[in-house]
PDB file of N, CA and C in Angstrom:
ATOM      1  N   MET A   1       0.781  -1.160   0.156  1.00  0.00           N
ATOM      2  CA  MET A   1       0.175   0.064  -0.012  1.00  0.00           C
ATOM      3  C   MET A   1       0.951   1.120   0.036  1.00  0.00           C
ATOM      4  N   SER A   2       0.644   2.207  -0.850  1.00  0.00           N
ATOM      5  CA  SER A   2       1.633   3.291  -1.005  1.00  0.00           C
ATOM      6  C   SER A   2       0.944   4.441   0.092  1.00  0.00           C
ATOM      7  N   PRO A   3       1.764   5.260   0.415  1.00  0.00           N
ATOM      8  CA  PRO A   3       1.665   6.416   1.431  1.00  0.00           C
ATOM      9  C   PRO A   3       0.087   7.300   0.547  1.00  0.00           C
ATOM     10  N   SER A   4      -0.624   7.729   1.547  1.00  0.00           N
ATOM     11  CA  SER A   4      -1.510   8.703   0.698  1.00  0.00           C
ATOM     12  C   SER A   4      -1.075  10.083   0.907  1.00  0.00           C
ATOM     13  N   TRP A   5      -1.255  10.864  -0.130  1.00  0.00           N
ATOM     14  CA  TRP A   5      -0.897  12.188  -0.053  1.00  0.00           C
ATOM     15  C   TRP A   5      -1.806  13.160   0.239  1.00  0.00           C
ATOM     16  N   VAL A   6      -1.787  14.154   1.056  1.00  0.00           N
ATOM     17  CA  VAL A   6      -2.863  15.197   1.470  1.00  0.00           C
ATOM     18  C   VAL A   6      -2.284  16.431   1.079  1.00  0.00           C
ATOM     19  N   ASP A   7      -3.130  17.164   0.513  1.00  0.00           N
ATOM     20  CA  ASP A   7      -2.951  18.528  -0.147  1.00  0.00           C
ATOM     21  C   ASP A   7      -3.230  19.268   1.331  1.00  0.00           C
ATOM     22  N   HIS A   8      -2.234  19.601   2.425  1.00  0.00           N
ATOM     23  CA  HIS A   8      -2.626  20.436   3.454  1.00  0.00           C
ATOM     24  C   HIS A   8      -3.159  21.949   3.249  1.00  0.00           C
ATOM     25  N   GLN A   9      -2.415  22.448   2.245  1.00  0.00           N
ATOM     26  CA  GLN A   9      -2.791  23.969   1.788  1.00  0.00           C
ATOM     27  C   GLN A   9      -4.323  23.790   1.221  1.00  0.00           C
ATOM     28  N   ALA A  10      -4.727  22.846   0.690  1.00  0.00           N
ATOM     29  CA  ALA A  10      -6.005  22.994   0.150  1.00  0.00           C
ATOM     30  C   ALA A  10      -6.856  22.808   1.260  1.00  0.00           C
ATOM     31  N   LEU A  11      -6.652  21.677   2.171  1.00  0.00           N
ATOM     32  CA  LEU A  11      -7.631  21.219   3.265  1.00  0.00           C
ATOM     33  C   LEU A  11      -7.583  22.820   4.154  1.00  0.00           C
ATOM     34  N   PHE A  12      -6.451  23.483   4.491  1.00  0.00           N
ATOM     35  CA  PHE A  12      -6.334  24.282   5.355  1.00  0.00           C
ATOM     36  C   PHE A  12      -7.405  25.566   4.821  1.00  0.00           C
ATOM     37  N   SER A  13      -7.262  25.659   3.635  1.00  0.00           N
ATOM     38  CA  SER A  13      -8.206  26.848   2.999  1.00  0.00           C
ATOM     39  C   SER A  13      -9.647  26.712   2.790  1.00  0.00           C
ATOM     40  N   VAL A  14     -10.145  25.481   3.048  1.00  0.00           N
ATOM     41  CA  VAL A  14     -11.345  25.266   3.121  1.00  0.00           C
ATOM     42  C   VAL A  14     -11.831  24.936   4.576  1.00  0.00           C
ATOM     43  N   LEU A  15     -11.145  24.964   5.531  1.00  0.00           N
ATOM     44  CA  LEU A  15     -11.701  24.729   7.012  1.00  0.00           C
ATOM     45  C   LEU A  15     -12.681  25.485   7.471  1.00  0.00           C
ATOM     46  N   PRO A  16     -13.887  24.958   7.964  1.00  0.00           N
ATOM     47  CA  PRO A  16     -14.895  25.740   8.278  1.00  0.00           C
ATOM     48  C   PRO A  16     -14.898  26.743   9.475  1.00  0.00           C
ATOM     49  N   SER A  17     -13.702  26.690  10.213  1.00  0.00           N
ATOM     50  CA  SER A  17     -13.528  27.537  11.151  1.00  0.00           C
ATOM     51  C   SER A  17     -12.331  28.496  10.616  1.00  0.00           C
ATOM     52  N   PRO A  18     -12.195  29.887  11.242  1.00  0.00           N
ATOM     53  CA  PRO A  18     -11.470  30.961  10.950  1.00  0.00           C
ATOM     54  C   PRO A  18     -10.140  30.628  11.477  1.00  0.00           C
ATOM     55  N   TYR A  19      -8.853  30.697  10.592  1.00  0.00           N
ATOM     56  CA  TYR A  19      -7.547  30.501  11.227  1.00  0.00           C
ATOM     57  C   TYR A  19      -6.791  31.441  10.498  1.00  0.00           C
ATOM     58  N   LEU A  20      -5.793  32.029  11.368  1.00  0.00           N
ATOM     59  CA  LEU A  20      -4.793  32.944  11.125  1.00  0.00           C
ATOM     60  C   LEU A  20      -3.499  32.119  11.877  1.00  0.00           C
ATOM     61  N   VAL A  21      -2.635  32.141  10.852  1.00  0.00           N
ATOM     62  CA  VAL A  21      -1.284  31.337  10.941  1.00  0.00           C
ATOM     63  C   VAL A  21      -0.122  32.547  11.276  1.00  0.00           C
ATOM     64  N   LEU A  22       0.603  32.293  12.424  1.00  0.00           N
ATOM     65  CA  LEU A  22       1.665  33.408  12.719  1.00  0.00           C
ATOM     66  C   LEU A  22       3.339  32.616  12.825  1.00  0.00           C
ATOM     67  N   ASP A  23       4.106  33.362  12.495  1.00  0.00           N
ATOM     68  CA  ASP A  23       5.207  32.846  12.723  1.00  0.00           C
ATOM     69  C   ASP A  23       5.986  33.334  13.877  1.00  0.00           C
ATOM     70  N   ALA A  24       7.027  32.686  14.394  1.00  0.00           N
ATOM     71  CA  ALA A  24       7.669  33.046  15.584  1.00  0.00           C
ATOM     72  C   ALA A  24       7.713  34.497  16.112  1.00  0.00           C
ATOM     73  N   ASP A  25       8.060  35.262  14.912  1.00  0.00           N
ATOM     74  CA  ASP A  25       7.938  36.867  15.290  1.00  0.00           C
ATOM     75  C   ASP A  25       6.779  37.382  15.283  1.00  0.00           C
ATOM     76  N   LEU A  26       5.564  36.861  15.132  1.00  0.00           N
ATOM     77  CA  LEU A  26       4.237  37.176  15.018  1.00  0.00           C
ATOM     78  C   LEU A  26       3.929  38.070  13.868  1.00  0.00           C
ATOM     79  N   THR A  27       4.307  37.547  12.832  1.00  0.00           N
ATOM     80  CA  THR A  27       4.066  38.098  11.526  1.00  0.00           C
ATOM     81  C   THR A  27       2.986  37.023  10.875  1.00  0.00           C
ATOM     82  N   VAL A  28       1.906  37.423  10.197  1.00  0.00           N
ATOM     83  CA  VAL A  28       1.050  36.696   9.325  1.00  0.00           C
ATOM     84  C   VAL A  28       1.589  35.930   8.605  1.00  0.00           C
ATOM     85  N   VAL A  29       1.407  34.563   8.249  1.00  0.00           N
ATOM     86  CA  VAL A  29       2.152  33.796   7.357  1.00  0.00           C
ATOM     87  C   VAL A  29       0.997  33.409   6.408  1.00  0.00           C
ATOM     88  N   ASP A  30      -0.293  33.006   6.957  1.00  0.00           N
ATOM     89  CA  ASP A  30      -1.350  32.380   6.323  1.00  0.00           C
ATOM     90  C   ASP A  30      -2.565  32.505   7.061  1.00  0.00           C
ATOM     91  N   VAL A  31      -3.765  32.763   6.275  1.00  0.00           N
ATOM     92  CA  VAL A  31      -4.902  32.851   6.646  1.00  0.00           C
ATOM     93  C   VAL A  31      -6.032  31.817   5.851  1.00  0.00           C
ATOM     94  N   ASN A  32      -6.960  31.418   6.384  1.00  0.00           N
ATOM     95  CA  ASN A  32      -7.868  30.528   5.404  1.00  0.00           C
ATOM     96  C   ASN A  32      -9.155  31.434   4.947  1.00  0.00           C
ATOM     97  N   GLU A  33      -9.793  30.830   3.840  1.00  0.00           N
ATOM     98  CA  GLU A  33     -10.917  31.545   3.450  1.00  0.00           C
ATOM     99  C   GLU A  33     -11.932  32.234   4.434  1.00  0.00           C
ATOM    100  N   MET A  34     -12.341  31.171   5.517  1.00  0.00           N
ATOM    101  CA  MET A  34     -13.171  31.735   6.565  1.00  0.00           C
ATOM    102  C   MET A  34     -12.430  32.647   7.291  1.00  0.00           C
ATOM    103  N   TYR A  35     -11.617  33.041   7.627  1.00  0.00           N
ATOM    104  CA  TYR A  35     -10.853  34.021   8.328  1.00  0.00           C
ATOM    105  C   TYR A  35     -11.117  35.333   7.648  1.00  0.00           C
ATOM    106  N   LEU A  36     -10.873  35.143   6.078  1.00  0.00           N
ATOM    107  CA  LEU A  36     -11.194  36.347   5.216  1.00  0.00           C
ATOM    108  C   LEU A  36     -12.543  36.768   5.404  1.00  0.00           C
ATOM    109  N   ARG A  37     -13.534  35.684   5.363  1.00  0.00           N
ATOM    110  CA  ARG A  37     -14.767  35.962   5.183  1.00  0.00           C
ATOM    111  C   ARG A  37     -15.368  36.509   6.540  1.00  0.00           C
ATOM    112  N   VAL A  38     -15.012  36.087   7.829  1.00  0.00           N
ATOM    113  CA  VAL A  38     -15.602  36.709   8.848  1.00  0.00           C
ATOM    114  C   VAL A  38     -14.688  38.065   9.567  1.00  0.00           C
ATOM    115  N   THR A  39     -13.922  38.288   9.142  1.00  0.00           N
ATOM    116  CA  THR A  39     -13.170  39.542   9.325  1.00  0.00           C
ATOM    117  C   THR A  39     -13.223  40.526   8.236  1.00  0.00           C
ATOM    118  N   GLY A  40     -13.695  40.372   7.175  1.00  0.00           N
ATOM    119  CA  GLY A  40     -13.975  41.167   6.211  1.00  0.00           C
ATOM    120  C   GLY A  40     -12.492  41.675   5.523  1.00  0.00           C
ATOM    121  N   ARG A  41     -11.264  40.936   6.011  1.00  0.00           N
ATOM    122  CA  ARG A  41     -10.015  41.624   5.392  1.00  0.00           C
ATOM    123  C   ARG A  41      -9.432  40.920   4.074  1.00  0.00           C
ATOM    124  N   THR A  42      -8.556  41.256   3.530  1.00  0.00           N
ATOM    125  CA  THR A  42      -8.012  40.667   2.440  1.00  0.00           C
ATOM    126  C   THR A  42      -6.651  39.968   2.794  1.00  0.00           C
ATOM    127  N   ARG A  43      -6.001  39.186   2.008  1.00  0.00           N
ATOM    128  CA  ARG A  43      -4.712  38.499   2.087  1.00  0.00           C
ATOM    129  C   ARG A  43      -3.902  39.538   2.073  1.00  0.00           C
ATOM    130  N   GLU A  44      -3.831  40.416   1.178  1.00  0.00           N
ATOM    131  CA  GLU A  44      -2.990  41.801   0.987  1.00  0.00           C
ATOM    132  C   GLU A  44      -2.860  42.748   2.269  1.00  0.00           C
ATOM    133  N   GLU A  45      -3.699  42.726   3.043  1.00  0.00           N
ATOM    134  CA  GLU A  45      -3.893  43.365   4.247  1.00  0.00           C
ATOM    135  C   GLU A  45      -3.290  42.707   5.405  1.00  0.00           C
ATOM    136  N   LEU A  46      -3.025  41.170   5.353  1.00  0.00           N
ATOM    137  CA  LEU A  46      -2.627  40.357   6.333  1.00  0.00           C
ATOM    138  C   LEU A  46      -1.392  39.860   6.153  1.00  0.00           C
ATOM    139  N   ILE A  47      -1.382  39.097   4.978  1.00  0.00           N
ATOM    140  CA  ILE A  47       0.163  38.337   4.970  1.00  0.00           C
ATOM    141  C   ILE A  47       1.044  39.119   5.036  1.00  0.00           C
ATOM    142  N   GLY A  48       2.090  38.647   5.916  1.00  0.00           N
ATOM    143  CA  GLY A  48       3.418  39.441   5.691  1.00  0.00           C
ATOM    144  C   GLY A  48       3.741  40.686   6.606  1.00  0.00           C
ATOM    145  N   HIS A  49       2.581  40.786   7.418  1.00  0.00           N
ATOM    146  CA  HIS A  49       2.293  41.848   8.342  1.00  0.00           C
ATOM    147  C   HIS A  49       2.623  41.469   9.609  1.00  0.00           C
ATOM    148  N   TYR A  50       3.025  42.210  10.813  1.00  0.00           N
ATOM    149  CA  TYR A  50       3.223  42.036  11.950  1.00  0.00           C
ATOM    150  C   TYR A  50       1.824  42.069  12.556  1.00  0.00           C
ATOM    151  N   LEU A  51       1.342  40.956  13.502  1.00  0.00           N
ATOM    152  CA  LEU A  51       0.214  40.848  13.936  1.00  0.00           C
ATOM    153  C   LEU A  51      -0.419  42.376  14.595  1.00  0.00           C
ATOM    154  N   PHE A  52       0.568  43.243  15.418  1.00  0.00           N
ATOM    155  CA  PHE A  52      -0.123  44.176  16.082  1.00  0.00           C
ATOM    156  C   PHE A  52      -0.127  45.631  15.278  1.00  0.00           C
ATOM    157  N   ASP A  53       0.462  45.422  13.812  1.00  0.00           N
ATOM    158  CA  ASP A  53       0.129  46.268  12.913  1.00  0.00           C
ATOM    159  C   ASP A  53      -1.249  45.931  12.353  1.00  0.00           C
ATOM    160  N   VAL A  54      -1.454  44.899  12.133  1.00  0.00           N
ATOM    161  CA  VAL A  54      -2.659  44.519  11.457  1.00  0.00           C
ATOM    162  C   VAL A  54      -3.923  44.738  12.518  1.00  0.00           C
ATOM    163  N   TYR A  55      -3.645  44.596  13.759  1.00  0.00           N
ATOM    164  CA  TYR A  55      -4.567  44.719  14.790  1.00  0.00           C
ATOM    165  C   TYR A  55      -4.207  45.387  16.061  1.00  0.00           C
ATOM    166  N   PRO A  56      -3.809  46.613  15.976  1.00  0.00           N
ATOM    167  CA  PRO A  56      -3.336  47.472  16.663  1.00  0.00           C
ATOM    168  C   PRO A  56      -4.467  47.527  18.186  1.00  0.00           C
ATOM    169  N   ASP A  57      -3.838  47.944  19.237  1.00  0.00           N
ATOM    170  CA  ASP A  57      -4.706  48.371  20.360  1.00  0.00           C
ATOM    171  C   ASP A  57      -5.204  49.675  19.832  1.00  0.00           C
ATOM    172  N   ASN A  58      -6.518  49.645  20.763  1.00  0.00           N
ATOM    173  CA  ASN A  58      -7.356  50.985  20.275  1.00  0.00           C
ATOM    174  C   ASN A  58      -6.661  52.109  21.059  1.00  0.00           C
ATOM    175  N   PRO A  59      -6.044  53.208  20.385  1.00  0.00           N
ATOM    176  CA  PRO A  59      -5.358  54.152  20.948  1.00  0.00           C
ATOM    177  C   PRO A  59      -6.403  55.235  21.718  1.00  0.00           C
ATOM    178  N   GLU A  60      -7.655  54.999  21.358  1.00  0.00           N
ATOM    179  CA  GLU A  60      -8.784  55.855  21.900  1.00  0.00           C
ATOM    180  C   GLU A  60      -9.424  55.182  23.371  1.00  0.00           C
ATOM    181  N   ASP A  61      -8.745  53.861  23.771  1.00  0.00           N
ATOM    182  CA  ASP A  61      -9.136  53.145  24.983  1.00  0.00           C
ATOM    183  C   ASP A  61      -7.927  52.948  25.835  1.00  0.00           C
ATOM    184  N   PRO A  62      -7.953  53.773  26.817  1.00  0.00           N
ATOM    185  CA  PRO A  62      -6.813  53.636  27.746  1.00  0.00           C
ATOM    186  C   PRO A  62      -7.009  52.244  28.281  1.00  0.00           C
ATOM    187  N   ALA A  63      -7.901  51.677  28.321  1.00  0.00           N
ATOM    188  CA  ALA A  63      -7.976  50.144  29.177  1.00  0.00           C
ATOM    189  C   ALA A  63      -7.439  49.176  28.082  1.00  0.00           C
ATOM    190  N   ALA A  64      -7.243  49.465  26.630  1.00  0.00           N
ATOM    191  CA  ALA A  64      -6.814  48.428  25.823  1.00  0.00           C
ATOM    192  C   ALA A  64      -5.434  47.818  26.252  1.00  0.00           C
ATOM    193  N   ASP A  65      -5.655  46.511  26.257  1.00  0.00           N
ATOM    194  CA  ASP A  65      -4.514  45.669  26.536  1.00  0.00           C
ATOM    195  C   ASP A  65      -4.136  44.394  26.097  1.00  0.00           C
ATOM    196  N   GLY A  66      -4.685  44.320  24.676  1.00  0.00           N
ATOM    197  CA  GLY A  66      -4.341  43.497  23.860  1.00  0.00           C
ATOM    198  C   GLY A  66      -2.934  42.931  23.755  1.00  0.00           C
ATOM    199  N   ILE A  67      -2.039  43.608  23.380  1.00  0.00           N
ATOM    200  CA  ILE A  67      -0.579  43.309  23.349  1.00  0.00           C
ATOM    201  C   ILE A  67       0.068  43.088  24.678  1.00  0.00           C
ATOM    202  N   ARG A  68      -0.436  43.562  25.712  1.00  0.00           N
ATOM    203  CA  ARG A  68      -0.057  43.379  26.989  1.00  0.00           C
ATOM    204  C   ARG A  68      -0.320  41.812  27.322  1.00  0.00           C
ATOM    205  N   THR A  69      -1.741  41.615  27.213  1.00  0.00           N
ATOM    206  CA  THR A  69      -2.477  40.401  27.394  1.00  0.00           C
ATOM    207  C   THR A  69      -1.730  39.357  26.739  1.00  0.00           C
ATOM    208  N   LEU A  70      -1.316  39.397  25.620  1.00  0.00           N
ATOM    209  CA  LEU A  70      -0.810  38.244  24.828  1.00  0.00           C
ATOM    210  C   LEU A  70       0.516  37.803  25.459  1.00  0.00           C
ATOM    211  N   PHE A  71       1.236  38.571  25.777  1.00  0.00           N
ATOM    212  CA  PHE A  71       2.364  38.392  26.319  1.00  0.00           C
ATOM    213  C   PHE A  71       2.582  37.686  27.790  1.00  0.00           C
ATOM    214  N   VAL A  72       1.297  37.866  28.301  1.00  0.00           N
ATOM    215  CA  VAL A  72       1.295  37.379  29.794  1.00  0.00           C
ATOM    216  C   VAL A  72       1.355  35.731  29.973  1.00  0.00           C
ATOM    217  N   PRO A  73       2.426  35.143  30.567  1.00  0.00           N
ATOM    218  CA  PRO A  73       2.743  34.016  30.324  1.00  0.00           C
ATOM    219  C   PRO A  73       1.657  32.966  30.492  1.00  0.00           C
ATOM    220  N   SER A  74       0.940  33.194  31.218  1.00  0.00           N
ATOM    221  CA  SER A  74      -0.332  32.411  31.339  1.00  0.00           C
ATOM    222  C   SER A  74      -1.541  32.149  30.235  1.00  0.00           C
ATOM    223  N   SER A  75      -1.158  33.230  29.162  1.00  0.00           N
ATOM    224  CA  SER A  75      -2.146  33.378  28.094  1.00  0.00           C
ATOM    225  C   SER A  75      -1.454  32.673  27.044  1.00  0.00           C
ATOM    226  N   VAL A  76      -0.102  32.396  26.876  1.00  0.00           N
ATOM    227  CA  VAL A  76       0.499  31.917  25.723  1.00  0.00           C
ATOM    228  C   VAL A  76       1.694  30.966  26.269  1.00  0.00           C
ATOM    229  N   SER A  77       1.476  29.601  25.722  1.00  0.00           N
ATOM    230  CA  SER A  77       2.158  28.474  26.041  1.00  0.00           C
ATOM    231  C   SER A  77       3.493  28.453  25.381  1.00  0.00           C
ATOM    232  N   CYS A  78       3.903  29.248  24.867  1.00  0.00           N
ATOM    233  CA  CYS A  78       5.201  29.245  24.056  1.00  0.00           C
ATOM    234  C   CYS A  78       6.546  28.951  24.938  1.00  0.00           C
ATOM    235  N   GLY A  79       6.785  30.184  25.833  1.00  0.00           N
ATOM    236  CA  GLY A  79       7.738  30.046  26.844  1.00  0.00           C
ATOM    237  C   GLY A  79       9.066  29.540  26.236  1.00  0.00           C
ATOM    238  N   PRO A  80       9.977  28.973  26.723  1.00  0.00           N
ATOM    239  CA  PRO A  80      11.302  28.779  26.111  1.00  0.00           C
ATOM    240  C   PRO A  80      11.030  27.978  24.282  1.00  0.00           C
ATOM    241  N   ARG A  81      10.146  27.192  24.422  1.00  0.00           N
ATOM    242  CA  ARG A  81       9.977  26.842  23.052  1.00  0.00           C
ATOM    243  C   ARG A  81      10.075  27.795  21.871  1.00  0.00           C
ATOM    244  N   ASN A  82       9.646  29.037  22.178  1.00  0.00           N
ATOM    245  CA  ASN A  82       9.220  29.887  21.177  1.00  0.00           C
ATOM    246  C   ASN A  82      10.869  30.386  20.633  1.00  0.00           C
ATOM    247  N   ARG A  83      11.877  29.939  21.472  1.00  0.00           N
ATOM    248  CA  ARG A  83      13.244  30.574  20.798  1.00  0.00           C
ATOM    249  C   ARG A  83      13.691  29.469  19.878  1.00  0.00           C
ATOM    250  N   THR A  84      12.998  28.167  19.892  1.00  0.00           N
ATOM    251  CA  THR A  84      13.458  27.342  19.271  1.00  0.00           C
ATOM    252  C   THR A  84      12.713  27.151  17.840  1.00  0.00           C
ATOM    253  N   ARG A  85      11.532  28.109  17.699  1.00  0.00           N
ATOM    254  CA  ARG A  85      10.665  28.446  16.851  1.00  0.00           C
ATOM    255  C   ARG A  85       9.834  27.211  16.626  1.00  0.00           C
ATOM    256  N   SER A  86       9.393  26.200  17.370  1.00  0.00           N
ATOM    257  CA  SER A  86       8.502  25.150  17.454  1.00  0.00           C
ATOM    258  C   SER A  86       7.151  25.755  17.758  1.00  0.00           C
ATOM    259  N   PRO A  87       6.208  24.885  17.281  1.00  0.00           N
ATOM    260  CA  PRO A  87       4.772  25.432  17.397  1.00  0.00           C
ATOM    261  C   PRO A  87       4.343  25.795  18.937  1.00  0.00           C
ATOM    262  N   CYS A  88       3.560  26.739  19.132  1.00  0.00           N
ATOM    263  CA  CYS A  88       2.994  27.046  20.607  1.00  0.00           C
ATOM    264  C   CYS A  88       1.402  27.263  20.162  1.00  0.00           C
ATOM    265  N   SER A  89       0.975  27.399  21.394  1.00  0.00           N
ATOM    266  CA  SER A  89      -0.596  27.880  21.337  1.00  0.00           C
ATOM    267  C   SER A  89      -0.830  28.986  22.548  1.00  0.00           C
ATOM    268  N   GLY A  90      -1.676  29.383  22.057  1.00  0.00           N
ATOM    269  CA  GLY A  90      -2.140  30.683  22.947  1.00  0.00           C
ATOM    270  C   GLY A  90      -3.634  30.397  23.018  1.00  0.00           C
ATOM    271  N   THR A  91      -4.348  31.542  23.888  1.00  0.00           N
ATOM    272  CA  THR A  91      -5.609  31.618  24.153  1.00  0.00           C
ATOM    273  C   THR A  91      -6.337  32.324  22.911  1.00  0.00           C
ATOM    274  N   THR A  92      -7.517  31.851  22.616  1.00  0.00           N
ATOM    275  CA  THR A  92      -8.136  32.912  21.674  1.00  0.00           C
ATOM    276  C   THR A  92      -8.587  34.063  22.155  1.00  0.00           C
ATOM    277  N   SER A  93      -8.127  35.270  21.326  1.00  0.00           N
ATOM    278  CA  SER A  93      -8.353  36.604  21.750  1.00  0.00           C
ATOM    279  C   SER A  93      -9.432  37.224  20.814  1.00  0.00           C
ATOM    280  N   ARG A  94     -10.372  37.898  21.217  1.00  0.00           N
ATOM    281  CA  ARG A  94     -11.300  38.651  20.202  1.00  0.00           C
ATOM    282  C   ARG A  94     -10.813  39.965  20.330  1.00  0.00           C
ATOM    283  N   CYS A  95     -10.533  40.738  18.997  1.00  0.00           N
ATOM    284  CA  CYS A  95     -10.422  42.173  18.958  1.00  0.00           C
ATOM    285  C   CYS A  95     -11.585  42.923  18.941  1.00  0.00           C
ATOM    286  N   PRO A  96     -11.916  43.838  20.125  1.00  0.00           N
ATOM    287  CA  PRO A  96     -13.060  44.490  20.119  1.00  0.00           C
ATOM    288  C   PRO A  96     -13.498  45.436  19.305  1.00  0.00           C
ATOM    289  N   ASP A  97     -12.460  45.834  18.588  1.00  0.00           N
ATOM    290  CA  ASP A  97     -12.673  46.754  17.510  1.00  0.00           C
ATOM    291  C   ASP A  97     -13.097  46.011  16.239  1.00  0.00           C
ATOM    292  N   ALA A  98     -12.609  44.556  16.133  1.00  0.00           N
ATOM    293  CA  ALA A  98     -12.945  44.197  14.554  1.00  0.00           C
ATOM    294  C   ALA A  98     -14.426  43.956  14.543  1.00  0.00           C
ATOM    295  N   PRO A  99     -14.860  44.008  13.241  1.00  0.00           N
ATOM    296  CA  PRO A  99     -16.291  44.039  12.937  1.00  0.00           C
ATOM    297  C   PRO A  99     -16.902  42.604  13.301  1.00  0.00           C
ATOM    298  N   ALA A 100     -17.850  42.417  14.046  1.00  0.00           N
ATOM    299  CA  ALA A 100     -18.205  41.224  14.453  1.00  0.00           C
ATOM    300  C   ALA A 100     -18.600  40.321  13.007  1.00  0.00           C
ATOM    301  N   PRO A 101     -18.453  38.830  13.307  1.00  0.00           N
ATOM    302  CA  PRO A 101     -18.884  38.169  12.239  1.00  0.00           C
ATOM    303  C   PRO A 101     -20.042  37.972  11.744  1.00  0.00           C
ATOM    304  N   SER A 102     -20.634  37.995  10.289  1.00  0.00           N
ATOM    305  CA  SER A 102     -22.181  38.041  10.233  1.00  0.00           C
ATOM    306  C   SER A 102     -22.560  36.435  10.785  1.00  0.00           C
ATOM    307  N   ARG A 103     -23.712  36.707  10.845  1.00  0.00           N
ATOM    308  CA  ARG A 103     -24.329  35.471  11.502  1.00  0.00           C
ATOM    309  C   ARG A 103     -24.250  34.049  10.613  1.00  0.00           C
ATOM    310  N   ASN A 104     -24.546  34.544   9.208  1.00  0.00           N
ATOM    311  CA  ASN A 104     -24.213  33.534   8.182  1.00  0.00           C
ATOM    312  C   ASN A 104     -22.970  33.368   7.501  1.00  0.00           C
ATOM    313  N   ALA A 105     -21.901  33.550   8.353  1.00  0.00           N
ATOM    314  CA  ALA A 105     -20.567  33.627   7.632  1.00  0.00           C
ATOM    315  C   ALA A 105     -20.163  32.382   7.356  1.00  0.00           C
ATOM    316  N   GLY A 106     -20.527  31.275   7.942  1.00  0.00           N
ATOM    317  CA  GLY A 106     -20.232  29.979   7.809  1.00  0.00           C
ATOM    318  C   GLY A 106     -21.182  29.039   6.662  1.00  0.00           C
ATOM    319  N   GLY A 107     -22.141  29.928   6.431  1.00  0.00           N
ATOM    320  CA  GLY A 107     -22.961  29.520   5.388  1.00  0.00           C
ATOM    321  C   GLY A 107     -24.045  28.488   6.148  1.00  0.00           C
ATOM    322  N   ARG A 108     -24.210  28.352   7.241  1.00  0.00           N
ATOM    323  CA  ARG A 108     -25.142  27.779   8.086  1.00  0.00           C
ATOM    324  C   ARG A 108     -26.320  28.642   8.255  1.00  0.00           C
ATOM    325  N   ARG A 109     -27.657  28.131   8.368  1.00  0.00           N
ATOM    326  CA  ARG A 109     -28.790  28.781   8.689  1.00  0.00           C
ATOM    327  C   ARG A 109     -29.272  28.354   9.851  1.00  0.00           C
TER     328      ARG A 109
END
């Protein structure tokens, strides 16, 4: 039996949940179609850009703490692993200034 081949890029692009992929420097390296749909952004606005240039804290909100919160050790589980550029995971954060996803973004009724 020969090993099966999976086109991971094609699979990623059609996942029903929105995904944004960052490198170790927090630069956006990929997004799937659902992410573009629910955020109303384009690949050109995201790919190759630093996360907090794309989604900065709200300068009009003195309580905005997205950048600081992301780097609190309890919210990101990279720790020393980040130095080796191995995958890590963090909590899901919602940008309060981002447009709310449409109720039918996933095509569900």
